[in-house]
């Protein structure tokens, strides 16, 4: 699902349904022994060949060329990216336009909605509370939120805090339910949601699998974790994230929007959505991010987000025991357009083409998509585009750009 989910696969699949479900090609009568043509397989092969060619070209490109090419071949209105190389040099690059009406260029200091990257912040706070003995990773969520998780085969007495963090709870995702009820992304853009509204929408559905027996991305898990933090600390989740993560790291451009706040403070590009591939971009910069809450509400810059990831992986925010738990991963099929991802406790792992391991998350929300990776040697890259992709190829292009930036940063 496009909003808040790590991947926009559902949106892309819907957008591409007509092109992928076309009629099979006719079999030539003079070659009856030939198998029927498979248009989908042919298109997949062509896309794979194009990706290989793109990667070969990207290896010869510098960061600015990579971003220019990303905008040119995808049609995203704009992009801003920050990269830290192996020597510790941090640079920001932009391409495209900040506003399709005026053509104004993207500002390097642009703030964007970072959506599901918020999960890394929420997970960090939960694991800090684990380290302080206030939360037990393997205790049922029922201990902290008695009676909250019930219905549709969902039972908080059988779901642990660890399973919520690792997306192995089996709880259904609320975002598709909420958006389908509203009719479209735009229709719910200005709706304010209380966290329990989101839970009610999710828990009206059946569990996807028994807790601990599968993996399935669900924003519902992180709404429950936000409520857990509030119950344990007695303070709002946004305030706790600010006090425990944002302020200690000096992330001056990262903030938790206030209740009802729909604008983005400070310098920022416009954010866009389109109803289908090739459809006009619609400005959706002003929107209510409460649909994300502890799963996806934060606003930040690529530079701040990169610093946060480096601090997290570098051990500045968690004790060694809790960081090790965060980095224990399971297979995460469908997490991104590219296969091979694994998911820890709010942190994902991916082995790049250049052989190094990257850690990150990424996020999607109305108007913005962000992809990001950090390596154990301190390299990182964060790329934010100013629209949701309308196809899987667009999504994959963003992810490949991040990967190339990180690989090149080590050379």
Protein backbone atom coordinates (compact mmCIF):
# COMPACT_ATOMS: atom_id res chain seq x y z
CA UNK A 1 0.00 0.00 0.00
CA UNK A 2 1.48 3.34 -0.94
CA UNK A 3 0.88 5.34 2.19
CA UNK A 4 3.39 4.61 4.92
CA UNK A 5 4.17 1.09 3.77
CA UNK A 6 7.84 0.52 3.05
CA UNK A 7 7.00 -0.43 -0.54
CA UNK A 8 4.50 1.06 -2.95
CA UNK A 9 3.92 -2.32 -4.56
CA UNK A 10 0.14 -2.22 -4.23
CA UNK A 11 -0.12 1.22 -5.81
CA UNK A 12 2.29 0.25 -8.56
CA UNK A 13 0.50 -3.02 -9.24
CA UNK A 14 -2.81 -1.19 -9.57
CA UNK A 15 -1.27 1.42 -11.84
CA UNK A 16 0.31 -1.22 -14.03
CA UNK A 17 -2.58 -3.69 -14.07
CA UNK A 18 -3.70 -2.79 -17.59
CA UNK A 19 -0.24 -3.11 -19.11
CA UNK A 20 0.60 -6.35 -17.31
CA UNK A 21 -2.68 -8.11 -17.98
CA UNK A 22 -2.85 -7.64 -21.74
CA UNK A 23 -3.95 -10.44 -24.08
CA UNK A 24 -1.49 -13.17 -24.87
CA UNK A 25 0.24 -12.91 -28.23
CA UNK A 26 -1.10 -15.16 -30.98
CA UNK A 27 0.81 -18.32 -31.91
CA UNK A 28 1.95 -18.39 -35.52
CA UNK A 29 0.23 -21.30 -37.34
CA UNK A 30 3.36 -22.24 -39.30
CA UNK A 31 5.21 -23.01 -36.06
CA UNK A 32 2.79 -25.17 -34.07
CA UNK A 33 5.55 -26.70 -31.96
CA UNK A 34 6.51 -23.31 -30.49
CA UNK A 35 5.18 -22.55 -27.01
CA UNK A 36 2.77 -19.62 -26.63
CA UNK A 37 4.46 -16.28 -26.23
CA UNK A 38 4.53 -14.87 -22.72
CA UNK A 39 4.23 -11.05 -22.95
CA UNK A 40 4.68 -10.62 -19.21
CA UNK A 41 7.88 -12.67 -19.25
CA UNK A 42 9.14 -10.71 -22.25
CA UNK A 43 8.44 -7.43 -20.52
CA UNK A 44 10.16 -8.71 -17.37
CA UNK A 45 13.20 -9.72 -19.42
CA UNK A 46 13.26 -6.34 -21.11
CA UNK A 47 13.04 -4.56 -17.77
CA UNK A 48 15.89 -6.70 -16.41
CA UNK A 49 18.01 -5.86 -19.47
CA UNK A 50 17.20 -2.18 -19.09
CA UNK A 51 18.10 -2.27 -15.41
CA UNK A 52 21.43 -3.89 -16.23
CA UNK A 53 22.13 -1.20 -18.82
CA UNK A 54 21.11 1.52 -16.37
CA UNK A 55 23.42 0.12 -13.71
CA UNK A 56 26.30 0.00 -16.15
CA UNK A 57 25.68 3.64 -17.06
CA UNK A 58 25.25 4.64 -13.43
CA UNK A 59 28.63 3.22 -12.51
CA UNK A 60 30.20 5.86 -14.70
CA UNK A 61 28.08 8.71 -13.29
CA UNK A 62 28.74 11.13 -10.44
CA UNK A 63 25.99 11.88 -7.86
CA UNK A 64 24.63 14.87 -9.75
CA UNK A 65 24.39 12.85 -12.96
CA UNK A 66 22.64 10.05 -11.08
CA UNK A 67 19.96 12.42 -9.80
CA UNK A 68 19.55 14.15 -13.15
CA UNK A 69 19.10 10.75 -14.78
CA UNK A 70 16.62 9.66 -12.10
CA UNK A 71 14.38 12.65 -12.79
CA UNK A 72 14.75 12.30 -16.55
CA UNK A 73 13.86 8.62 -16.80
CA UNK A 74 11.14 8.48 -14.14
CA UNK A 75 9.38 11.82 -14.46
CA UNK A 76 9.52 12.58 -10.74
CA UNK A 77 9.13 16.37 -10.30
CA UNK A 78 12.16 16.70 -8.05
CA UNK A 79 14.71 14.93 -5.88
CA UNK A 80 17.07 15.83 -3.06
CA UNK A 81 19.83 13.52 -1.83
CA UNK A 82 22.56 13.69 0.80
CA UNK A 83 25.61 11.40 0.74
CA UNK A 84 28.39 10.74 3.25
CA UNK A 85 31.45 9.10 1.73
CA UNK A 86 34.12 6.91 3.31
CA UNK A 87 36.23 9.98 4.09
CA UNK A 88 33.44 11.56 6.11
CA UNK A 89 32.55 14.21 3.53
CA UNK A 90 28.82 15.04 3.46
CA UNK A 91 27.33 16.55 0.30
CA UNK A 92 23.79 17.33 -0.83
CA UNK A 93 22.57 17.24 -4.43
CA UNK A 94 19.26 18.18 -6.05
CA UNK A 95 17.58 17.80 -9.43
CA UNK A 96 14.26 18.71 -10.99
CA UNK A 97 11.84 21.28 -9.68
CA UNK A 98 10.45 22.12 -6.27
CA UNK A 99 7.21 23.42 -7.79
CA UNK A 100 5.81 22.26 -11.14
CA UNK A 101 3.94 25.56 -11.49
CA UNK A 102 6.86 27.93 -11.08
CA UNK A 103 9.74 25.65 -12.06
CA UNK A 104 11.67 26.74 -8.97
CA UNK A 105 14.66 24.43 -8.32
CA UNK A 106 14.77 22.13 -5.30
CA UNK A 107 16.49 23.69 -2.27
CA UNK A 108 19.34 21.58 -0.81
CA UNK A 109 17.99 22.22 2.71
CA UNK A 110 14.53 20.87 1.87
CA UNK A 111 12.45 19.18 4.54
CA UNK A 112 10.28 16.26 3.45
CA UNK A 113 7.82 13.85 5.04
CA UNK A 114 9.92 10.76 5.82
CA UNK A 115 6.93 8.46 6.37
CA UNK A 116 7.89 4.93 7.45
CA UNK A 117 11.43 5.94 8.34
CA UNK A 118 9.63 7.03 11.51
CA UNK A 119 9.56 3.33 12.41
CA UNK A 120 13.32 3.40 13.04
CA UNK A 121 12.80 6.20 15.55
CA UNK A 122 9.90 4.45 17.26
CA UNK A 123 11.84 1.18 17.41
CA UNK A 124 14.86 2.97 18.87
CA UNK A 125 12.77 4.39 21.71
CA UNK A 126 11.17 1.00 22.43
CA UNK A 127 14.59 -0.65 22.58
CA UNK A 128 15.89 2.09 24.88
CA UNK A 129 13.02 1.25 27.22
CA UNK A 130 13.97 -2.42 26.93
CA UNK A 131 17.51 -1.55 27.96
CA UNK A 132 16.16 0.36 30.96
CA UNK A 133 14.15 -2.66 32.10
CA UNK A 134 10.80 -0.95 31.45
CA UNK A 135 9.78 -3.18 28.53
CA UNK A 136 10.33 -6.90 27.92
CA UNK A 137 10.92 -7.75 24.26
CA UNK A 138 9.33 -11.16 24.58
CA UNK A 139 6.38 -10.16 26.72
CA UNK A 140 2.92 -10.06 25.12
CA UNK A 141 1.65 -6.63 24.17
CA UNK A 142 -1.30 -7.49 26.43
CA UNK A 143 0.94 -6.74 29.43
CA UNK A 144 1.22 -3.09 28.40
CA UNK A 145 -2.06 -2.57 26.53
CA UNK A 146 -4.56 -4.93 28.18
CA UNK A 147 -7.60 -5.72 26.09
CA UNK A 148 -6.57 -3.48 23.18
CA UNK A 149 -5.75 -6.17 20.60
CA UNK A 150 -8.89 -8.24 20.09
CA UNK A 151 -11.05 -9.32 17.16
CA UNK A 152 -10.69 -11.11 13.84
CA UNK A 153 -8.46 -13.73 15.40
CA UNK A 154 -6.09 -11.03 16.59
CA UNK A 155 -5.13 -11.50 20.24
CA UNK A 156 -2.65 -9.36 22.15
CA UNK A 157 -2.05 -12.21 24.58
CA UNK A 158 -0.31 -14.14 21.79
CA UNK A 159 1.66 -11.28 20.17
CA UNK A 160 4.98 -10.14 21.63
CA UNK A 161 6.68 -6.77 21.53
CA UNK A 162 9.43 -8.34 19.43
CA UNK A 163 6.91 -9.56 16.87
CA UNK A 164 5.44 -6.08 16.55
CA UNK A 165 8.89 -4.61 15.98
CA UNK A 166 9.85 -7.28 13.44
CA UNK A 167 6.56 -7.30 11.50
CA UNK A 168 5.90 -10.95 12.39
CA UNK A 169 2.71 -10.39 14.39
CA UNK A 170 0.28 -11.27 11.60
CA UNK A 171 -1.81 -8.18 12.34
CA UNK A 172 -3.60 -6.72 9.29
CA UNK A 173 -2.48 -3.34 7.98
CA UNK A 174 -4.91 -0.50 8.54
CA UNK A 175 -3.80 1.81 5.73
CA UNK A 176 -5.46 -0.05 2.87
CA UNK A 177 -8.71 -0.26 4.85
CA UNK A 178 -8.69 3.45 5.65
CA UNK A 179 -7.82 4.55 2.10
CA UNK A 180 -10.32 2.21 0.46
CA UNK A 181 -13.03 3.55 2.77
CA UNK A 182 -12.07 7.11 1.80
CA UNK A 183 -11.96 6.30 -1.90
CA UNK A 184 -8.48 7.64 -2.78
CA UNK A 185 -5.22 9.00 -1.41
CA UNK A 186 -6.39 12.55 -1.97
CA UNK A 187 -9.74 11.94 -0.27
CA UNK A 188 -8.11 11.10 3.08
CA UNK A 189 -5.27 13.62 2.84
CA UNK A 190 -6.97 16.14 5.12
CA UNK A 191 -8.59 13.70 7.54
CA UNK A 192 -7.38 13.62 11.12
CA UNK A 193 -7.10 10.14 12.64
CA UNK A 194 -6.71 9.20 16.29
CA UNK A 195 -4.42 6.18 16.83
CA UNK A 196 -7.35 4.10 18.07
CA UNK A 197 -9.24 4.92 14.84
CA UNK A 198 -6.41 3.24 12.95
CA UNK A 199 -6.42 0.22 15.27
CA UNK A 200 -10.17 -0.17 14.98
CA UNK A 201 -9.87 -0.24 11.18
CA UNK A 202 -7.14 -2.89 11.33
CA UNK A 203 -8.63 -5.12 14.00
CA UNK A 204 -11.92 -5.36 12.16
CA UNK A 205 -10.01 -7.61 9.75
CA UNK A 206 -8.68 -11.12 10.23
CA UNK A 207 -5.09 -11.85 11.18
CA UNK A 208 -2.82 -12.60 8.23
CA UNK A 209 -1.03 -15.50 9.94
CA UNK A 210 -0.38 -16.86 13.42
CA UNK A 211 2.07 -14.68 15.36
CA UNK A 212 5.67 -15.61 14.67
CA UNK A 213 4.91 -17.91 11.71
CA UNK A 214 5.39 -15.43 8.86
CA UNK A 215 6.44 -11.93 7.89
CA UNK A 216 4.06 -9.21 6.76
CA UNK A 217 4.53 -5.44 6.71
CA UNK A 218 1.85 -3.75 8.82
CA UNK A 219 1.72 -0.18 10.06
CA UNK A 220 -0.63 -1.44 12.77
CA UNK A 221 2.35 -2.93 14.58
CA UNK A 222 3.95 0.47 15.00
CA UNK A 223 0.78 2.24 16.09
CA UNK A 224 0.63 -0.31 18.91
CA UNK A 225 4.30 0.35 19.72
CA UNK A 226 3.57 4.08 19.90
CA UNK A 227 0.77 3.38 22.38
CA UNK A 228 3.15 1.13 24.32
CA UNK A 229 5.70 3.95 24.61
CA UNK A 230 3.02 6.35 25.80
CA UNK A 231 1.71 3.89 28.39
CA UNK A 232 5.19 3.17 29.78
CA UNK A 233 6.51 6.75 29.78
CA UNK A 234 3.30 8.65 30.41
CA UNK A 235 4.20 11.11 27.63
CA UNK A 236 3.20 11.57 23.94
CA UNK A 237 5.22 9.50 21.47
CA UNK A 238 6.31 12.58 19.49
CA UNK A 239 7.69 14.21 22.63
CA UNK A 240 9.50 11.01 23.65
CA UNK A 241 11.14 10.66 20.22
CA UNK A 242 12.21 14.30 20.35
CA UNK A 243 13.65 14.03 23.85
CA UNK A 244 15.40 10.69 23.42
CA UNK A 245 16.56 10.84 19.79
CA UNK A 246 16.11 14.12 17.93
CA UNK A 247 17.47 16.53 20.55
CA UNK A 248 20.49 14.47 21.69
CA UNK A 249 21.64 14.13 18.09
CA UNK A 250 21.02 17.81 17.29
CA UNK A 251 18.67 17.04 14.38
CA UNK A 252 17.48 20.62 13.93
CA UNK A 253 15.38 19.94 10.85
CA UNK A 254 13.53 16.91 12.23
CA UNK A 255 10.22 17.35 14.01
CA UNK A 256 6.93 15.70 14.95
CA UNK A 257 3.98 17.64 13.43
CA UNK A 258 1.50 18.99 15.94
CA UNK A 259 -2.07 17.67 16.11
CA UNK A 260 -3.89 18.98 13.05
CA UNK A 261 -0.76 20.50 11.48
CA UNK A 262 -0.92 20.02 7.70
CA UNK A 263 1.83 22.25 6.38
CA UNK A 264 5.55 21.49 6.33
CA UNK A 265 7.53 24.01 8.32
CA UNK A 266 10.50 25.81 6.81
CA UNK A 267 12.05 25.19 3.40
CA UNK A 268 10.42 22.34 1.51
CA UNK A 269 9.47 21.25 -2.01
CA UNK A 270 5.91 20.56 -3.09
CA UNK A 271 4.79 16.93 -2.93
CA UNK A 272 2.72 15.25 -5.64
CA UNK A 273 0.57 12.23 -6.45
CA UNK A 274 -0.81 10.93 -9.75
CA UNK A 275 -3.82 8.70 -10.26
CA UNK A 276 -2.10 6.49 -12.85
CA UNK A 277 1.10 6.25 -14.91
CA UNK A 278 1.28 9.28 -17.18
CA UNK A 279 -1.51 11.12 -15.35
CA UNK A 280 -0.88 14.72 -14.28
CA UNK A 281 0.82 15.32 -10.95
CA UNK A 282 -1.54 16.67 -8.29
CA UNK A 283 -0.14 18.90 -5.55
CA UNK A 284 -0.68 17.25 -2.15
CA UNK A 285 1.94 19.11 -0.12
CA UNK A 286 -0.59 20.16 2.48
CA UNK A 287 -1.96 17.06 4.20
CA UNK A 288 -2.59 15.60 7.66
CA UNK A 289 0.08 13.00 8.52
CA UNK A 290 -1.89 11.48 11.41
CA UNK A 291 -2.57 8.46 9.21
CA UNK A 292 1.04 7.57 9.95
CA UNK A 293 1.42 8.50 13.62
CA UNK A 294 4.14 6.32 15.24
CA UNK A 295 4.44 4.41 11.95
CA UNK A 296 5.12 7.40 9.72
CA UNK A 297 4.52 10.97 10.91
CA UNK A 298 7.97 12.57 11.12
CA UNK A 299 9.33 15.38 8.94
CA UNK A 300 13.08 15.62 8.34
CA UNK A 301 15.79 16.33 5.77
CA UNK A 302 17.95 13.76 3.99
CA UNK A 303 20.95 15.15 5.91
CA UNK A 304 19.27 14.73 9.31
CA UNK A 305 17.99 11.27 8.43
CA UNK A 306 21.46 10.16 7.35
CA UNK A 307 22.98 11.42 10.59
CA UNK A 308 20.34 9.57 12.58
CA UNK A 309 21.00 6.27 10.78
CA UNK A 310 24.76 6.62 11.23
CA UNK A 311 24.30 7.31 14.94
CA UNK A 312 21.95 4.35 15.31
CA UNK A 313 24.14 1.81 13.53
CA UNK A 314 27.22 3.33 15.20
CA UNK A 315 25.91 2.59 18.69
CA UNK A 316 25.19 6.14 19.85
CA UNK A 317 21.52 5.53 20.65
CA UNK A 318 21.36 1.94 21.89
CA UNK A 319 23.46 -0.22 24.17
CA UNK A 320 25.28 -3.10 22.42
CA UNK A 321 22.75 -5.71 23.54
CA UNK A 322 19.73 -3.82 22.23
CA UNK A 323 21.50 -2.84 19.00
CA UNK A 324 22.37 -6.50 18.41
CA UNK A 325 18.70 -7.41 18.87
CA UNK A 326 17.69 -4.71 16.38
CA UNK A 327 20.11 -6.13 13.81
CA UNK A 328 18.85 -9.73 14.08
CA UNK A 329 16.89 -10.12 10.86
CA UNK A 330 14.39 -12.41 9.16
CA UNK A 331 13.51 -12.71 5.49
CA UNK A 332 11.19 -9.90 4.37
CA UNK A 333 9.63 -10.87 1.02
CA UNK A 334 8.06 -7.95 -0.83
CA UNK A 335 9.67 -5.32 1.38
CA UNK A 336 11.02 -3.47 -1.65
CA UNK A 337 11.00 -3.72 -5.45
CA UNK A 338 14.36 -5.50 -5.30
CA UNK A 339 14.42 -8.95 -3.61
CA UNK A 340 16.81 -9.99 -0.85
CA UNK A 341 15.81 -7.66 1.99
CA UNK A 342 15.75 -8.82 5.60
CA UNK A 343 13.98 -7.10 8.49
CA UNK A 344 15.22 -6.64 12.05
CA UNK A 345 13.53 -4.67 14.81
CA UNK A 346 12.53 -1.60 12.83
CA UNK A 347 15.72 -1.73 10.75
CA UNK A 348 16.15 -3.50 7.40
CA UNK A 349 19.24 -5.13 5.87
CA UNK A 350 20.27 -5.43 2.22
CA UNK A 351 23.44 -6.65 0.52
CA UNK A 352 24.36 -4.22 -2.24
CA UNK A 353 25.72 -5.14 -5.67
CA UNK A 354 29.16 -3.91 -4.61
CA UNK A 355 29.21 -6.51 -1.83
CA UNK A 356 28.70 -4.34 1.26
CA UNK A 357 25.75 -4.60 3.63
CA UNK A 358 23.45 -1.61 3.96
CA UNK A 359 21.01 -0.84 6.77
CA UNK A 360 17.97 1.40 6.51
CA UNK A 361 14.24 1.49 6.03
CA UNK A 362 12.59 3.96 3.66
CA UNK A 363 9.12 5.40 3.54
CA UNK A 364 6.20 6.43 1.34
CA UNK A 365 3.43 8.90 2.04
CA UNK A 366 1.26 11.21 -0.05
CA UNK A 367 3.69 13.47 -1.90
CA UNK A 368 7.04 11.91 -0.98
CA UNK A 369 9.12 8.74 -1.17
CA UNK A 370 12.42 8.29 0.67
CA UNK A 371 15.01 5.52 0.35
CA UNK A 372 18.15 5.32 2.45
CA UNK A 373 21.06 3.07 3.43
CA UNK A 374 23.97 3.26 5.86
CA UNK A 375 26.96 0.91 6.04
CA UNK A 376 28.94 -0.21 9.07
CA UNK A 377 31.95 1.81 7.88
CA UNK A 378 29.96 5.06 8.08
CA UNK A 379 28.92 5.63 4.47
CA UNK A 380 25.31 6.58 3.88
CA UNK A 381 22.94 7.97 1.28
CA UNK A 382 19.39 9.30 1.55
CA UNK A 383 17.31 10.03 -1.54
CA UNK A 384 13.91 11.76 -1.32
CA UNK A 385 11.71 12.18 -4.39
CA UNK A 386 8.80 14.60 -4.37
CA UNK A 387 6.04 12.25 -5.53
CA UNK A 388 4.80 8.73 -5.02
CA UNK A 389 5.85 6.40 -7.85
CA UNK A 390 3.11 5.16 -10.14
CA UNK A 391 4.93 1.99 -11.18
CA UNK A 392 7.35 -0.60 -9.86
CA UNK A 393 10.10 0.57 -12.23
CA UNK A 394 9.95 4.07 -10.72
CA UNK A 395 10.25 2.61 -7.24
CA UNK A 396 13.17 0.40 -8.29
CA UNK A 397 14.94 3.38 -9.87
CA UNK A 398 14.94 5.24 -6.55
CA UNK A 399 16.27 2.22 -4.66
CA UNK A 400 19.00 1.61 -7.25
CA UNK A 401 20.07 5.24 -7.06
CA UNK A 402 20.57 4.95 -3.31
CA UNK A 403 22.53 1.74 -3.77
CA UNK A 404 24.80 3.28 -6.39
CA UNK A 405 25.43 6.36 -4.26
CA UNK A 406 26.47 4.21 -1.31
CA UNK A 407 28.70 1.96 -3.41
CA UNK A 408 30.37 4.93 -5.10
CA UNK A 409 30.89 6.63 -1.73
CA UNK A 410 33.35 3.90 -0.80
CA UNK A 411 35.57 4.40 -3.81
